[in-house]
Amino acid sequence: MFSTLNAREAHAKLAALDRVQGVIEFDLAGRILSANRNFLDVVGYTLPEIVGQHHSLFMDPAQRDAPEYKAFWERLRSGAFESGQFQRVGRGGRPIWIQASYNPMLDVRGRPYKVVKFATDITQQRTEEADRAGQIAAIDKVQAVIAFDLDGTVISVNDNFLGVMGYTRAEVIGQHHSLFVEPAYRESEAYRAFWAALRNGTFQAAQFRRIGKDGREVWIQASYNPILDAAGRPYKVVKFATDISDQVRLFANLRTLIDQNFGEIEQAVTHSTKAAALASSAADSTSGNVQTVAAAAEELAASVAEMSQSIVRSQSATDTAYACVQDADGHTKRLAETATAMTGIVGLIQDIAGQINLLALNATIEAARAGAAGRGFAVVASEVKALADQAARATGQINGEIASVQRVSQEVVQALSSIGSSVSVMRETVVATAAAIEEQSAVTRDLAENMQSAAGAVTAITGNIGAIVQSVANVSQAVDTTRDAAKVLAR
């Protein structure tokens, strides 16, 4: 009865193992006899594909002929039990990891006749472990790492930490963490509370001032990490640290520079604010002046335009006067010529009067010779002579008047010539002045337009200076904010 119960119990145990583990059986030569579904799922094969195949099907090709692999099967054939974590190869060369035991089965005489392997797939676990180990190794390469037990005694340390603090491994293993802190801090309540928090599993991270070998000041950015056991209780503390001594000194210098430079910047901003305010005031004044000048320029342009029209009218009148002077000069010259011609006529009349005088003289002589018979003729001759004398006197007077007319005509001609020259010069001057006024009118119009543009520009400048004043105020505020931020950064 007990035998039956034991057999049933053994069968039940095997069935339980078959449900939760991969099971595969080999003969003593290593050939596969059978495998359950769990094992087939792990390696990715079907049962017909592996029955009769050698165990080396699951080995890396580089290990199949290795002496260690041959010795492994020699031990199994001798009845030795093998267990551990093994790297194997699934279908398609896929690497897998298993937690397995190789169990030689004994016959009734105690001799091995087959091997039963129980396996659990731990590929994901090993991958995660490898990832964690890789991360730890990477941290160990770049950071200072030291481990303590819960009372603060050093139990391990890496080379980076030793390099930062200046100690050798033998000098720190077994020493208390207080070796690295200031004497005054060692006995403080804050230091005792620090380690009490770590023992309670509380993570600690900050910048810490520590003391290296020979009292050298060392600043570190560090985290103290309580490590928990399977029950969730702290059993040690691992510290990861980075030497930031250079940065701390740099930031100390930076704080000094910040105070100095921002003081200078504040002075510059204050000066800029005052200058911008003065510029704004000057721009307002300039804007008013430019508006005034622009209005004056418009009035000047209107005056110049009116002057230009007056000059045009003066030029027209001068041209008319010049033409009239030319006509008067012509008439006067013709009058002088006519007077000259009359002088010839007067001369002719004088000649005739002389001849009449001569005839009267001859008649008088002949009348005297005739005596009484010639008295009447003598009277006539006397009258003729008197008439000739009168004609001679009149002719002389006419000649004098003609001479006077000629003299006056010459004076008028000379005066008209002078007037003509003056009018000609005045005409040329008026023409030149008209041209100059026209150019000045164009320039004045441009000036008026430019002054209007300048007035608009000055108005825009005034607005821009107002914006500059606001910007300077914003810069001042930004400088204050930046200084505060920089001081926070430099802490």
Protein backbone atom coordinates (compact mmCIF):
# COMPACT_ATOMS: atom_id res chain seq x y z
CA MET A 1 0.00 0.00 0.00
CA PHE A 2 2.78 2.38 0.95
CA SER A 3 4.55 1.44 -2.27
CA THR A 4 1.46 2.35 -4.24
CA LEU A 5 1.13 5.66 -2.43
CA ASN A 6 4.78 6.47 -2.99
CA ALA A 7 4.43 5.66 -6.67
CA ARG A 8 1.39 7.90 -6.97
CA GLU A 9 3.14 10.70 -5.12
CA ALA A 10 6.19 10.39 -7.35
CA HIS A 11 3.99 10.44 -10.42
CA ALA A 12 2.16 13.52 -9.15
CA LYS A 13 5.44 15.31 -8.49
CA LEU A 14 6.69 14.49 -11.98
CA ALA A 15 3.41 15.72 -13.46
CA ALA A 16 3.75 18.97 -11.48
CA LEU A 17 7.31 19.44 -12.72
CA ASP A 18 6.17 18.69 -16.27
CA ARG A 19 3.58 21.48 -16.02
CA VAL A 20 5.95 24.20 -14.86
CA GLN A 21 9.36 23.24 -16.25
CA GLY A 22 10.96 22.21 -19.46
CA VAL A 23 11.80 18.50 -19.33
CA ILE A 24 14.00 16.63 -21.78
CA GLU A 25 15.54 13.14 -21.60
CA PHE A 26 18.83 11.91 -23.14
CA ASP A 27 20.50 8.54 -23.36
CA LEU A 28 24.02 8.29 -21.98
CA ALA A 29 25.45 9.15 -25.40
CA GLY A 30 23.60 12.47 -25.29
CA ARG A 31 20.93 11.63 -27.87
CA ILE A 32 17.47 13.06 -27.26
CA LEU A 33 14.81 10.55 -26.22
CA SER A 34 11.86 12.85 -25.46
CA ALA A 35 10.94 16.45 -24.51
CA ASN A 36 7.84 18.14 -23.15
CA ARG A 37 5.95 21.11 -24.56
CA ASN A 38 7.55 23.61 -22.18
CA PHE A 39 11.04 22.72 -23.36
CA LEU A 40 10.02 22.71 -27.03
CA ASP A 41 8.54 26.21 -26.60
CA VAL A 42 11.79 27.46 -25.10
CA VAL A 43 14.06 26.13 -27.88
CA GLY A 44 11.55 26.70 -30.71
CA TYR A 45 11.65 23.18 -32.17
CA THR A 46 9.03 20.46 -32.67
CA LEU A 47 9.49 17.03 -31.10
CA PRO A 48 10.12 15.17 -34.42
CA GLU A 49 12.85 17.71 -35.24
CA ILE A 50 14.90 16.89 -32.15
CA VAL A 51 14.25 13.23 -31.24
CA GLY A 52 17.41 11.28 -32.07
CA GLN A 53 19.49 14.47 -32.32
CA HIS A 54 22.44 15.02 -30.00
CA HIS A 55 22.35 17.48 -27.13
CA SER A 56 24.99 19.50 -29.02
CA LEU A 57 22.12 20.76 -31.23
CA PHE A 58 21.51 23.29 -28.44
CA MET A 59 25.17 24.28 -28.07
CA ASP A 60 27.06 27.13 -29.66
CA PRO A 61 29.10 25.65 -32.56
CA ALA A 62 32.30 26.94 -30.98
CA GLN A 63 31.63 24.87 -27.81
CA ARG A 64 30.55 21.56 -29.34
CA ASP A 65 34.08 20.18 -29.65
CA ALA A 66 35.47 21.89 -26.57
CA PRO A 67 37.15 19.65 -23.96
CA GLU A 68 34.91 21.12 -21.28
CA TYR A 69 31.79 19.94 -23.15
CA LYS A 70 33.16 16.42 -23.50
CA ALA A 71 34.08 16.34 -19.80
CA PHE A 72 30.53 17.55 -18.99
CA TRP A 73 29.02 14.44 -20.59
CA GLU A 74 31.64 12.16 -19.09
CA ARG A 75 30.56 13.28 -15.64
CA LEU A 76 26.90 12.68 -16.46
CA ARG A 77 27.64 9.17 -17.76
CA SER A 78 29.44 8.46 -14.51
CA GLY A 79 26.28 9.39 -12.60
CA ALA A 80 27.37 12.89 -11.47
CA PHE A 81 24.64 15.50 -11.05
CA GLU A 82 25.07 18.86 -12.87
CA SER A 83 23.14 22.05 -12.25
CA GLY A 84 23.51 25.76 -12.89
CA GLN A 85 22.78 28.51 -15.39
CA PHE A 86 23.64 27.53 -18.95
CA GLN A 87 23.74 29.43 -22.21
CA ARG A 88 22.17 27.41 -25.01
CA VAL A 89 21.10 28.01 -28.63
CA GLY A 90 17.52 27.76 -29.82
CA ARG A 91 16.13 27.48 -33.32
CA GLY A 92 17.82 29.74 -35.83
CA GLY A 93 20.83 30.32 -33.57
CA ARG A 94 18.77 32.35 -31.05
CA PRO A 95 20.69 32.58 -27.74
CA ILE A 96 18.78 31.44 -24.66
CA TRP A 97 19.64 31.10 -20.99
CA ILE A 98 18.26 28.31 -18.75
CA GLN A 99 18.41 27.44 -15.08
CA ALA A 100 18.78 23.66 -15.36
CA SER A 101 19.70 20.45 -13.60
CA TYR A 102 21.01 17.36 -15.42
CA ASN A 103 19.92 14.28 -13.42
CA PRO A 104 21.38 10.81 -14.25
CA MET A 105 18.68 8.11 -13.74
CA LEU A 106 19.91 4.86 -12.09
CA ASP A 107 18.64 1.35 -12.71
CA VAL A 108 17.98 -1.21 -9.97
CA ARG A 109 21.68 -1.94 -9.82
CA GLY A 110 22.51 1.72 -9.31
CA ARG A 111 23.98 2.29 -12.74
CA PRO A 112 23.05 5.33 -14.90
CA TYR A 113 20.97 4.52 -17.95
CA LYS A 114 19.62 7.93 -19.01
CA VAL A 115 19.74 11.64 -18.09
CA VAL A 116 16.68 13.76 -17.30
CA LYS A 117 17.06 17.54 -17.54
CA PHE A 118 14.73 19.98 -15.81
CA ALA A 119 15.04 23.54 -17.16
CA THR A 120 13.53 26.98 -16.63
CA ASP A 121 13.88 29.77 -19.21
CA ILE A 122 15.79 32.65 -17.56
CA THR A 123 16.71 34.47 -20.78
CA GLN A 124 14.82 37.64 -19.82
CA GLN A 125 16.22 37.54 -16.30
CA ARG A 126 19.78 37.18 -17.58
CA THR A 127 19.21 39.95 -20.12
CA GLU A 128 17.97 42.26 -17.38
CA GLU A 129 20.84 41.24 -15.12
CA ALA A 130 23.31 41.89 -17.92
CA ASP A 131 21.69 45.28 -18.51
CA ARG A 132 21.93 46.16 -14.84
CA ALA A 133 25.48 44.89 -14.65
CA GLY A 134 26.35 46.94 -17.73
CA GLN A 135 24.82 50.04 -16.21
CA ILE A 136 26.68 49.48 -12.95
CA ALA A 137 29.91 48.92 -14.85
CA ALA A 138 29.30 52.10 -16.85
CA ILE A 139 28.65 54.05 -13.65
CA ASP A 140 31.74 52.51 -12.08
CA LYS A 141 33.81 53.77 -15.02
CA VAL A 142 32.73 57.40 -14.77
CA GLN A 143 31.72 57.94 -11.15
CA ALA A 144 33.24 57.55 -7.74
CA VAL A 145 31.52 54.63 -5.99
CA ILE A 146 31.83 53.60 -2.35
CA ALA A 147 29.72 51.20 -0.24
CA PHE A 148 29.10 51.28 3.52
CA ASP A 149 27.36 49.01 5.96
CA LEU A 150 24.54 50.55 7.95
CA ASP A 151 26.82 51.91 10.67
CA GLY A 152 28.89 53.83 8.09
CA THR A 153 31.89 51.49 7.80
CA VAL A 154 33.46 51.35 4.34
CA ILE A 155 33.10 47.88 2.78
CA SER A 156 34.10 48.57 -0.83
CA VAL A 157 35.39 51.44 -2.97
CA ASN A 158 36.33 51.93 -6.61
CA ASP A 159 39.41 53.56 -8.10
CA ASN A 160 37.56 56.74 -9.09
CA PHE A 161 36.62 57.46 -5.47
CA LEU A 162 40.15 56.79 -4.31
CA GLY A 163 41.46 59.16 -6.99
CA VAL A 164 39.10 61.93 -5.92
CA MET A 165 39.87 61.65 -2.20
CA GLY A 166 43.56 60.83 -2.55
CA TYR A 167 43.55 57.62 -0.47
CA THR A 168 44.56 54.03 -1.22
CA ARG A 169 42.11 51.16 -0.86
CA ALA A 170 43.85 49.83 2.27
CA GLU A 171 43.57 53.25 3.90
CA VAL A 172 39.76 53.41 3.64
CA ILE A 173 38.42 49.83 3.85
CA GLY A 174 37.10 49.31 7.38
CA GLN A 175 37.20 53.04 8.19
CA HIS A 176 34.08 55.04 9.06
CA HIS A 177 32.52 57.51 6.66
CA SER A 178 33.42 60.27 9.14
CA LEU A 179 36.97 60.00 7.80
CA PHE A 180 35.78 62.19 4.89
CA VAL A 181 33.96 64.94 6.84
CA GLU A 182 35.10 67.95 8.86
CA PRO A 183 35.83 67.27 12.54
CA ALA A 184 33.17 69.75 13.66
CA TYR A 185 30.55 68.05 11.47
CA ARG A 186 31.40 64.55 12.78
CA GLU A 187 29.98 65.30 16.22
CA SER A 188 27.00 67.30 15.01
CA GLU A 189 23.36 66.33 15.37
CA ALA A 190 22.95 66.91 11.62
CA TYR A 191 25.54 64.20 10.85
CA ARG A 192 23.87 61.70 13.19
CA ALA A 193 20.48 62.48 11.61
CA PHE A 194 22.03 61.99 8.16
CA TRP A 195 23.03 58.39 8.95
CA ALA A 196 19.82 57.69 10.84
CA ALA A 197 17.86 58.60 7.69
CA LEU A 198 20.04 56.28 5.58
CA ARG A 199 19.52 53.40 8.03
CA ASN A 200 15.78 53.98 7.68
CA GLY A 201 16.09 53.62 3.91
CA THR A 202 15.83 57.33 3.05
CA PHE A 203 17.70 58.38 -0.06
CA GLN A 204 20.07 61.37 0.34
CA ALA A 205 21.35 63.48 -2.59
CA ALA A 206 22.99 66.91 -2.71
CA GLN A 207 26.28 68.73 -3.08
CA PHE A 208 28.54 67.83 -0.18
CA ARG A 209 31.72 69.37 1.16
CA ARG A 210 34.11 66.58 2.07
CA ILE A 211 37.72 66.36 3.24
CA GLY A 212 40.29 64.44 1.24
CA LYS A 213 43.65 63.18 2.33
CA ASP A 214 45.85 65.78 4.09
CA GLY A 215 42.80 67.98 4.79
CA ARG A 216 42.19 68.92 1.15
CA GLU A 217 38.70 70.36 0.50
CA VAL A 218 36.69 68.30 -1.97
CA TRP A 219 33.22 69.15 -3.29
CA ILE A 220 31.10 66.29 -4.64
CA GLN A 221 27.69 65.90 -6.24
CA ALA A 222 26.59 62.67 -4.59
CA SER A 223 23.70 60.36 -3.85
CA TYR A 224 23.59 57.98 -0.86
CA ASN A 225 21.41 55.01 -1.83
CA PRO A 226 20.18 52.51 0.78
CA ILE A 227 20.17 49.02 -0.79
CA LEU A 228 17.29 46.76 0.25
CA ASP A 229 17.34 43.00 0.78
CA ALA A 230 14.67 40.59 -0.42
CA ALA A 231 12.51 41.58 2.53
CA GLY A 232 12.73 45.27 1.65
CA ARG A 233 15.04 46.12 4.55
CA PRO A 234 18.20 48.24 4.11
CA TYR A 235 21.39 46.27 4.53
CA LYS A 236 24.00 48.60 3.04
CA VAL A 237 24.44 52.06 1.51
CA VAL A 238 26.02 52.71 -1.89
CA LYS A 239 27.22 56.20 -2.68
CA PHE A 240 27.68 57.49 -6.24
CA ALA A 241 29.68 60.71 -6.47
CA THR A 242 31.12 63.14 -9.00
CA ASP A 243 33.95 65.53 -8.19
CA ILE A 244 32.66 69.09 -8.69
CA SER A 245 35.44 70.93 -6.87
CA ASP A 246 36.49 72.80 -10.01
CA GLN A 247 32.89 73.80 -10.74
CA VAL A 248 32.36 75.03 -7.19
CA ARG A 249 35.49 77.17 -7.39
CA LEU A 250 34.40 78.35 -10.83
CA PHE A 251 30.97 79.29 -9.52
CA ALA A 252 32.53 81.10 -6.58
CA ASN A 253 34.55 83.16 -9.04
CA LEU A 254 31.44 83.52 -11.16
CA ARG A 255 29.49 84.98 -8.25
CA THR A 256 32.20 87.60 -7.84
CA LEU A 257 32.13 88.37 -11.56
CA ILE A 258 28.33 88.47 -11.52
CA ASP A 259 28.30 91.06 -8.76
CA GLN A 260 30.97 93.10 -10.54
CA ASN A 261 29.66 92.80 -14.10
CA PHE A 262 26.02 93.30 -13.26
CA GLY A 263 26.98 96.38 -11.27
CA GLU A 264 28.62 97.76 -14.39
CA ILE A 265 25.63 96.72 -16.49
CA GLU A 266 23.27 98.48 -14.10
CA GLN A 267 25.33 101.67 -14.40
CA ALA A 268 25.27 101.36 -18.19
CA VAL A 269 21.52 100.75 -18.22
CA THR A 270 20.95 103.72 -15.91
CA HIS A 271 23.11 105.90 -18.17
CA SER A 272 21.26 104.59 -21.24
CA THR A 273 17.93 105.33 -19.60
CA LYS A 274 18.96 108.92 -18.88
CA ALA A 275 20.45 109.33 -22.36
CA ALA A 276 17.33 107.88 -23.95
CA ALA A 277 15.16 110.25 -21.90
CA LEU A 278 17.29 113.22 -22.98
CA ALA A 279 17.18 112.00 -26.58
CA SER A 280 13.41 111.68 -26.35
CA SER A 281 13.13 115.24 -25.03
CA ALA A 282 15.50 116.50 -27.73
CA ALA A 283 13.54 114.60 -30.35
CA ASP A 284 10.30 116.19 -29.15
CA SER A 285 11.94 119.65 -29.34
CA THR A 286 13.46 118.85 -32.73
CA SER A 287 10.12 117.63 -33.96
CA GLY A 288 8.54 120.99 -33.04
CA ASN A 289 11.40 122.90 -34.66
CA VAL A 290 11.20 120.82 -37.81
CA GLN A 291 7.45 121.36 -37.97
CA THR A 292 8.04 125.12 -37.65
CA VAL A 293 10.76 125.04 -40.33
CA ALA A 294 8.53 122.92 -42.53
CA ALA A 295 5.73 125.49 -42.24
CA ALA A 296 8.22 128.31 -42.93
CA ALA A 297 9.54 126.39 -45.92
CA GLU A 298 6.02 126.07 -47.28
CA GLU A 299 5.49 129.83 -46.82
CA LEU A 300 8.87 130.50 -48.46
CA ALA A 301 7.91 128.26 -51.34
CA ALA A 302 4.68 130.23 -51.78
CA SER A 303 6.59 133.56 -51.60
CA VAL A 304 9.17 132.37 -54.09
CA ALA A 305 6.41 131.20 -56.41
CA GLU A 306 4.74 134.64 -56.17
CA MET A 307 8.13 136.35 -56.69
CA SER A 308 8.70 134.13 -59.71
CA GLN A 309 5.38 135.27 -61.18
CA SER A 310 6.29 138.95 -60.46
CA ILE A 311 9.68 138.47 -62.14
CA VAL A 312 7.92 136.96 -65.14
CA ARG A 313 5.68 140.03 -65.32
CA SER A 314 8.74 142.32 -64.87
CA GLN A 315 10.51 140.45 -67.63
CA SER A 316 7.51 141.02 -69.91
CA ALA A 317 7.40 144.74 -69.04
CA THR A 318 11.17 145.06 -69.54
CA ASP A 319 10.89 143.39 -72.91
CA THR A 320 8.15 145.89 -73.86
CA ALA A 321 10.24 148.86 -72.61
CA TYR A 322 13.24 147.56 -74.48
CA ALA A 323 11.18 147.38 -77.68
CA CYS A 324 9.81 150.92 -77.11
CA VAL A 325 13.32 152.29 -76.53
CA GLN A 326 14.43 150.61 -79.73
CA ASP A 327 11.51 152.25 -81.60
CA ALA A 328 12.19 155.68 -80.03
CA ASP A 329 15.84 155.36 -80.92
CA GLY A 330 14.87 154.67 -84.52
CA HIS A 331 12.50 157.62 -84.66
CA THR A 332 15.08 159.95 -83.11
CA LYS A 333 17.72 158.83 -85.57
CA ARG A 334 15.31 159.51 -88.42
CA LEU A 335 14.55 162.98 -86.91
CA ALA A 336 18.28 163.73 -86.80
CA GLU A 337 18.59 162.58 -90.39
CA THR A 338 15.61 164.82 -91.39
CA ALA A 339 17.17 167.80 -89.54
CA THR A 340 20.40 167.15 -91.38
CA ALA A 341 18.47 167.12 -94.66
CA MET A 342 16.77 170.41 -93.72
CA THR A 343 20.19 171.91 -93.13
CA GLY A 344 20.91 171.30 -96.80
CA ILE A 345 17.63 172.96 -97.79
CA VAL A 346 18.43 175.95 -95.59
CA GLY A 347 21.82 176.19 -97.25
CA LEU A 348 20.10 176.16 -100.62
CA ILE A 349 17.73 178.90 -99.45
CA GLN A 350 20.74 180.90 -98.20
CA ASP A 351 22.36 180.53 -101.58
CA ILE A 352 19.17 181.75 -103.26
CA ALA A 353 18.94 184.68 -100.81
CA GLY A 354 22.58 185.53 -101.61
CA GLN A 355 21.85 185.47 -105.32
CA ILE A 356 18.74 187.60 -104.77
CA ASN A 357 20.87 189.99 -102.76
CA LEU A 358 23.37 190.05 -105.58
CA LEU A 359 20.59 190.69 -108.13
CA ALA A 360 19.18 193.46 -105.92
CA LEU A 361 22.64 194.98 -105.72
CA ASN A 362 22.99 194.78 -109.47
CA ALA A 363 19.49 196.24 -109.90
CA THR A 364 20.38 199.10 -107.58
CA ILE A 365 23.51 199.76 -109.57
CA GLU A 366 21.59 199.67 -112.81
CA ALA A 367 18.87 201.93 -111.36
CA ALA A 368 21.52 204.41 -110.33
CA ARG A 369 22.85 204.34 -113.82
CA ALA A 370 19.39 204.84 -115.23
CA GLY A 371 18.74 207.82 -113.05
CA ALA A 372 15.19 208.95 -112.80
CA ALA A 373 14.03 206.26 -115.13
CA GLY A 374 15.33 203.66 -112.89
CA ARG A 375 13.90 204.93 -109.60
CA GLY A 376 10.97 202.57 -109.60
CA PHE A 377 13.22 199.73 -110.40
CA ALA A 378 15.44 200.89 -107.58
CA VAL A 379 12.52 200.79 -105.20
CA VAL A 380 11.75 197.26 -106.30
CA ALA A 381 15.35 196.31 -106.02
CA SER A 382 15.41 197.79 -102.53
CA GLU A 383 12.35 195.76 -101.54
CA VAL A 384 13.84 192.65 -103.05
CA LYS A 385 17.03 193.24 -101.15
CA ALA A 386 15.07 193.77 -97.95
CA LEU A 387 13.18 190.56 -98.61
CA ALA A 388 16.43 188.76 -99.34
CA ASP A 389 17.87 190.10 -96.12
CA GLN A 390 14.78 189.01 -94.26
CA ALA A 391 14.98 185.54 -95.87
CA ALA A 392 18.64 185.40 -94.97
CA ARG A 393 17.84 186.27 -91.35
CA ALA A 394 15.01 183.75 -91.24
CA THR A 395 17.21 181.19 -92.83
CA GLY A 396 19.91 181.88 -90.27
CA GLN A 397 17.37 181.53 -87.49
CA ILE A 398 16.06 178.29 -89.03
CA ASN A 399 19.58 177.08 -89.40
CA GLY A 400 20.17 177.79 -85.69
CA GLU A 401 16.98 175.97 -84.74
CA ILE A 402 17.93 173.05 -86.98
CA ALA A 403 21.36 172.98 -85.36
CA SER A 404 19.67 173.00 -81.98
CA VAL A 405 17.34 170.16 -83.12
CA GLN A 406 20.34 168.23 -84.38
CA ARG A 407 22.15 168.77 -81.10
CA VAL A 408 19.09 167.73 -79.06
CA SER A 409 18.52 164.78 -81.39
CA GLN A 410 22.10 163.65 -80.87
CA GLU A 411 21.67 164.00 -77.11
CA VAL A 412 18.37 162.06 -77.30
CA VAL A 413 20.03 159.38 -79.43
CA GLN A 414 22.87 159.12 -76.92
CA ALA A 415 20.40 159.05 -74.00
CA LEU A 416 18.22 156.45 -75.73
CA SER A 417 21.35 154.43 -76.49
CA SER A 418 22.31 154.53 -72.81
CA ILE A 419 18.72 153.72 -71.82
CA GLY A 420 18.68 150.90 -74.36
CA SER A 421 21.92 149.52 -72.95
CA SER A 422 20.55 149.82 -69.42
CA VAL A 423 17.24 148.24 -70.42
CA SER A 424 19.16 145.48 -72.22
CA VAL A 425 21.28 144.85 -69.14
CA MET A 426 18.14 145.00 -66.98
CA ARG A 427 16.40 142.59 -69.35
CA GLU A 428 19.30 140.15 -69.19
CA THR A 429 19.36 140.53 -65.39
CA VAL A 430 15.61 139.97 -65.19
CA VAL A 431 15.92 136.88 -67.41
CA ALA A 432 18.78 135.54 -65.29
CA THR A 433 16.88 136.42 -62.11
CA ALA A 434 13.78 134.69 -63.46
CA ALA A 435 15.81 131.56 -64.17
CA ALA A 436 17.43 131.73 -60.74
CA ILE A 437 14.05 132.32 -59.09
CA GLU A 438 12.64 129.33 -60.97
CA GLU A 439 15.51 127.15 -59.75
CA GLN A 440 15.08 128.56 -56.24
CA SER A 441 11.37 127.84 -56.50
CA ALA A 442 12.10 124.21 -57.40
CA VAL A 443 14.66 123.95 -54.60
CA THR A 444 12.24 125.56 -52.17
CA ARG A 445 9.51 123.12 -53.17
CA ASP A 446 11.95 120.24 -52.64
CA LEU A 447 12.97 121.81 -49.33
CA ALA A 448 9.35 122.05 -48.24
CA GLU A 449 8.72 118.42 -49.23
CA ASN A 450 11.94 117.29 -47.53
CA MET A 451 11.10 119.22 -44.39
CA GLN A 452 7.70 117.54 -44.32
CA SER A 453 9.44 114.19 -44.71
CA ALA A 454 11.93 115.21 -42.04
CA ALA A 455 9.07 116.18 -39.76
CA GLY A 456 7.54 112.74 -40.28
CA ALA A 457 10.93 111.10 -39.72
CA VAL A 458 11.51 113.06 -36.52
CA THR A 459 8.05 112.03 -35.34
CA ALA A 460 8.96 108.42 -36.09
CA ILE A 461 12.30 108.89 -34.33
CA THR A 462 10.47 110.29 -31.33
CA GLY A 463 8.29 107.19 -31.28
CA ASN A 464 11.34 104.95 -31.71
CA ILE A 465 13.17 106.69 -28.89
CA GLY A 466 10.09 106.15 -26.75
CA ALA A 467 10.29 102.47 -27.65
CA ILE A 468 14.02 102.55 -26.84
CA VAL A 469 13.27 104.06 -23.45
CA GLN A 470 10.78 101.26 -22.82
CA SER A 471 13.27 98.69 -24.13
CA VAL A 472 15.97 100.03 -21.84
CA ALA A 473 13.54 99.74 -18.95
CA ASN A 474 12.78 96.17 -20.02
CA VAL A 475 16.51 95.48 -20.29
CA SER A 476 17.00 96.85 -16.81
CA GLN A 477 14.31 94.54 -15.50
CA ALA A 478 15.77 91.63 -17.49
CA VAL A 479 19.21 92.40 -16.07
CA ASP A 480 17.79 92.22 -12.55
CA THR A 481 16.09 88.93 -13.34
CA THR A 482 19.19 87.54 -15.06
CA ARG A 483 21.38 88.58 -12.16
CA ASP A 484 19.09 86.79 -9.72
CA ALA A 485 19.04 83.72 -11.97
CA ALA A 486 22.81 83.82 -12.37
CA LYS A 487 23.25 84.01 -8.62
CA VAL A 488 20.97 81.01 -8.22
CA LEU A 489 22.99 79.19 -10.89
CA ALA A 490 26.24 80.09 -9.17
CA ARG A 491 25.15 78.77 -5.77
